[in-house]
Amino acid sequence: MVALISSILHLVDEVRWGLIPENSAKKVAFSQMRQLDNVLNLSMDVPYDYLLDPKESIIENWVRVTSWIVKRNV
């Protein structure tokens, strides 16, 4: 989980530093976020297609996905 979060935050930094385009970073970040249910060993289907919005920032998407998971797993 720590490696996943670190990788996503590193992508955010790389976009901010101008090293990679935001659209490319989002593709990678969204792919990583879609692995959360496997990483957390969840027994539910996370509606990633509904939750992930390419118009929003990586951080906003991260907050939306993790909030959805926390609200339903507490």
N, C-alpha and C. Protein backbone atom coordinates (compact mmCIF):
# COMPACT_ATOMS: atom_id res chain seq x y z
N MET A 1 0.83 -1.18 0.00
CA MET A 1 0.00 0.00 0.00
C MET A 1 0.88 1.26 0.00
N VAL A 2 1.93 1.23 0.80
CA VAL A 2 2.83 2.39 0.87
C VAL A 2 3.48 2.64 -0.49
N ALA A 3 3.90 1.59 -1.16
CA ALA A 3 4.53 1.75 -2.48
C ALA A 3 3.54 2.31 -3.49
N LEU A 4 2.29 1.87 -3.42
CA LEU A 4 1.25 2.37 -4.33
C LEU A 4 1.02 3.86 -4.12
N ILE A 5 0.85 4.26 -2.88
CA ILE A 5 0.63 5.68 -2.57
C ILE A 5 1.84 6.51 -2.97
N SER A 6 3.03 6.03 -2.65
CA SER A 6 4.25 6.76 -3.01
C SER A 6 4.38 6.94 -4.51
N SER A 7 4.04 5.91 -5.25
CA SER A 7 4.13 5.97 -6.70
C SER A 7 3.16 7.01 -7.27
N ILE A 8 1.94 7.03 -6.76
CA ILE A 8 0.94 7.99 -7.22
C ILE A 8 1.38 9.42 -6.87
N LEU A 9 1.86 9.62 -5.66
CA LEU A 9 2.31 10.96 -5.27
C LEU A 9 3.54 11.39 -6.07
N HIS A 10 4.39 10.45 -6.42
CA HIS A 10 5.55 10.77 -7.25
C HIS A 10 5.11 11.24 -8.64
N LEU A 11 4.07 10.60 -9.17
CA LEU A 11 3.53 11.05 -10.46
C LEU A 11 3.03 12.49 -10.37
N VAL A 12 2.35 12.81 -9.27
CA VAL A 12 1.86 14.18 -9.06
C VAL A 12 3.04 15.16 -9.05
N ASP A 13 4.10 14.80 -8.36
CA ASP A 13 5.30 15.65 -8.33
C ASP A 13 5.90 15.82 -9.72
N GLU A 14 6.01 14.73 -10.47
CA GLU A 14 6.60 14.81 -11.80
C GLU A 14 5.79 15.72 -12.72
N VAL A 15 4.47 15.69 -12.58
CA VAL A 15 3.62 16.60 -13.37
C VAL A 15 3.90 18.04 -12.94
N ARG A 16 3.95 18.28 -11.65
CA ARG A 16 4.18 19.63 -11.13
C ARG A 16 5.53 20.17 -11.57
N TRP A 17 6.53 19.30 -11.65
CA TRP A 17 7.87 19.71 -12.07
C TRP A 17 7.99 19.84 -13.59
N GLY A 18 6.94 19.46 -14.31
CA GLY A 18 6.96 19.56 -15.76
C GLY A 18 7.72 18.44 -16.46
N LEU A 19 7.94 17.33 -15.76
CA LEU A 19 8.71 16.23 -16.34
C LEU A 19 7.86 15.32 -17.21
N ILE A 20 6.58 15.19 -16.89
CA ILE A 20 5.68 14.36 -17.70
C ILE A 20 4.34 15.09 -17.86
N PRO A 21 3.64 14.84 -18.97
CA PRO A 21 2.34 15.47 -19.17
C PRO A 21 1.30 14.89 -18.20
N GLU A 22 0.37 15.72 -17.81
CA GLU A 22 -0.64 15.30 -16.83
C GLU A 22 -1.48 14.13 -17.35
N ASN A 23 -1.84 14.14 -18.63
CA ASN A 23 -2.66 13.04 -19.18
C ASN A 23 -1.94 11.70 -19.07
N SER A 24 -0.65 11.68 -19.32
CA SER A 24 0.13 10.44 -19.19
C SER A 24 0.18 9.98 -17.74
N ALA A 25 0.38 10.92 -16.84
CA ALA A 25 0.43 10.59 -15.41
C ALA A 25 -0.91 10.05 -14.94
N LYS A 26 -2.00 10.63 -15.43
CA LYS A 26 -3.33 10.16 -15.03
C LYS A 26 -3.56 8.73 -15.48
N LYS A 27 -3.13 8.39 -16.68
CA LYS A 27 -3.31 7.02 -17.17
C LYS A 27 -2.62 6.03 -16.23
N VAL A 28 -1.40 6.35 -15.84
CA VAL A 28 -0.66 5.46 -14.95
C VAL A 28 -1.29 5.44 -13.55
N ALA A 29 -1.63 6.62 -13.04
CA ALA A 29 -2.23 6.71 -11.69
C ALA A 29 -3.56 5.97 -11.64
N PHE A 30 -4.38 6.14 -12.68
CA PHE A 30 -5.69 5.45 -12.70
C PHE A 30 -5.48 3.95 -12.75
N SER A 31 -4.50 3.50 -13.51
CA SER A 31 -4.20 2.07 -13.56
C SER A 31 -3.80 1.55 -12.18
N GLN A 32 -2.99 2.34 -11.48
CA GLN A 32 -2.58 1.94 -10.13
C GLN A 32 -3.76 1.97 -9.16
N MET A 33 -4.60 2.98 -9.26
CA MET A 33 -5.76 3.08 -8.36
C MET A 33 -6.70 1.90 -8.56
N ARG A 34 -6.80 1.42 -9.78
CA ARG A 34 -7.68 0.28 -10.07
C ARG A 34 -7.20 -1.01 -9.40
N GLN A 35 -6.00 -0.99 -8.86
CA GLN A 35 -5.47 -2.16 -8.16
C GLN A 35 -5.74 -2.12 -6.65
N LEU A 36 -6.35 -1.04 -6.18
CA LEU A 36 -6.56 -0.90 -4.74
C LEU A 36 -7.34 -2.06 -4.13
N ASP A 37 -8.39 -2.52 -4.79
CA ASP A 37 -9.17 -3.61 -4.21
C ASP A 37 -8.33 -4.88 -4.07
N ASN A 38 -7.39 -5.09 -4.99
CA ASN A 38 -6.49 -6.24 -4.88
C ASN A 38 -5.46 -6.04 -3.77
N VAL A 39 -4.88 -4.85 -3.72
CA VAL A 39 -3.86 -4.54 -2.71
C VAL A 39 -4.46 -4.63 -1.31
N LEU A 40 -5.68 -4.15 -1.16
CA LEU A 40 -6.33 -4.15 0.16
C LEU A 40 -7.10 -5.43 0.44
N ASN A 41 -7.11 -6.35 -0.54
CA ASN A 41 -7.81 -7.62 -0.40
C ASN A 41 -9.29 -7.41 -0.05
N LEU A 42 -9.92 -6.52 -0.81
CA LEU A 42 -11.33 -6.21 -0.57
C LEU A 42 -12.23 -7.27 -1.19
N SER A 43 -13.34 -7.53 -0.53
CA SER A 43 -14.29 -8.51 -1.06
C SER A 43 -15.46 -7.81 -1.74
N MET A 44 -15.22 -6.61 -2.25
CA MET A 44 -16.28 -5.86 -2.94
C MET A 44 -15.76 -5.35 -4.26
N ASP A 45 -16.68 -5.06 -5.15
CA ASP A 45 -16.32 -4.48 -6.43
C ASP A 45 -16.34 -2.97 -6.31
N VAL A 46 -15.24 -2.35 -6.60
CA VAL A 46 -15.13 -0.89 -6.56
C VAL A 46 -15.50 -0.36 -7.94
N PRO A 47 -16.46 0.57 -8.03
CA PRO A 47 -16.90 1.08 -9.34
C PRO A 47 -15.93 2.13 -9.89
N TYR A 48 -14.75 1.68 -10.28
CA TYR A 48 -13.71 2.60 -10.75
C TYR A 48 -14.17 3.44 -11.94
N ASP A 49 -14.91 2.84 -12.86
CA ASP A 49 -15.37 3.59 -14.03
C ASP A 49 -16.25 4.77 -13.62
N TYR A 50 -16.99 4.61 -12.55
CA TYR A 50 -17.85 5.68 -12.02
C TYR A 50 -17.04 6.70 -11.22
N LEU A 51 -16.07 6.22 -10.45
CA LEU A 51 -15.33 7.08 -9.53
C LEU A 51 -14.23 7.90 -10.18
N LEU A 52 -13.53 7.33 -11.14
CA LEU A 52 -12.39 8.02 -11.75
C LEU A 52 -12.86 8.98 -12.85
N ASP A 53 -12.45 10.23 -12.71
CA ASP A 53 -12.87 11.27 -13.64
C ASP A 53 -11.62 11.91 -14.25
N PRO A 54 -11.38 11.70 -15.54
CA PRO A 54 -10.18 12.25 -16.17
C PRO A 54 -10.14 13.78 -16.20
N LYS A 55 -11.25 14.43 -15.94
CA LYS A 55 -11.27 15.90 -15.91
C LYS A 55 -10.72 16.45 -14.59
N GLU A 56 -10.69 15.61 -13.57
CA GLU A 56 -10.21 16.02 -12.25
C GLU A 56 -8.74 15.64 -12.08
N SER A 57 -8.10 16.24 -11.08
CA SER A 57 -6.68 15.96 -10.82
C SER A 57 -6.49 14.55 -10.25
N ILE A 58 -5.26 14.12 -10.28
CA ILE A 58 -4.93 12.81 -9.70
C ILE A 58 -5.30 12.78 -8.23
N ILE A 59 -4.97 13.82 -7.50
CA ILE A 59 -5.26 13.88 -6.07
C ILE A 59 -6.76 13.84 -5.81
N GLU A 60 -7.53 14.60 -6.58
CA GLU A 60 -8.99 14.59 -6.39
C GLU A 60 -9.56 13.20 -6.65
N ASN A 61 -9.05 12.52 -7.65
CA ASN A 61 -9.50 11.16 -7.92
C ASN A 61 -9.08 10.20 -6.81
N TRP A 62 -7.86 10.37 -6.32
CA TRP A 62 -7.37 9.52 -5.22
C TRP A 62 -8.28 9.68 -3.99
N VAL A 63 -8.61 10.91 -3.65
CA VAL A 63 -9.47 11.17 -2.50
C VAL A 63 -10.85 10.54 -2.72
N ARG A 64 -11.40 10.68 -3.92
CA ARG A 64 -12.72 10.13 -4.21
C ARG A 64 -12.73 8.61 -4.08
N VAL A 65 -11.73 7.94 -4.67
CA VAL A 65 -11.68 6.48 -4.64
C VAL A 65 -11.45 5.97 -3.21
N THR A 66 -10.47 6.53 -2.53
CA THR A 66 -10.18 6.04 -1.17
C THR A 66 -11.32 6.36 -0.21
N SER A 67 -11.97 7.49 -0.39
CA SER A 67 -13.12 7.82 0.46
C SER A 67 -14.25 6.82 0.25
N TRP A 68 -14.50 6.47 -1.00
CA TRP A 68 -15.55 5.50 -1.31
C TRP A 68 -15.24 4.17 -0.62
N ILE A 69 -13.99 3.74 -0.70
CA ILE A 69 -13.60 2.47 -0.10
C ILE A 69 -13.73 2.53 1.42
N VAL A 70 -13.24 3.59 2.03
CA VAL A 70 -13.29 3.72 3.49
C VAL A 70 -14.74 3.76 3.98
N LYS A 71 -15.58 4.52 3.31
CA LYS A 71 -16.98 4.62 3.73
C LYS A 71 -17.70 3.29 3.70
N ARG A 72 -17.31 2.42 2.82
CA ARG A 72 -18.01 1.13 2.69
C ARG A 72 -17.30 -0.02 3.40
N ASN A 73 -16.14 0.25 3.94
CA ASN A 73 -15.38 -0.80 4.61
C ASN A 73 -15.23 -0.60 6.11
N VAL A 74 -15.82 0.42 6.63
CA VAL A 74 -15.67 0.70 8.08
C VAL A 74 -16.62 -0.14 8.87
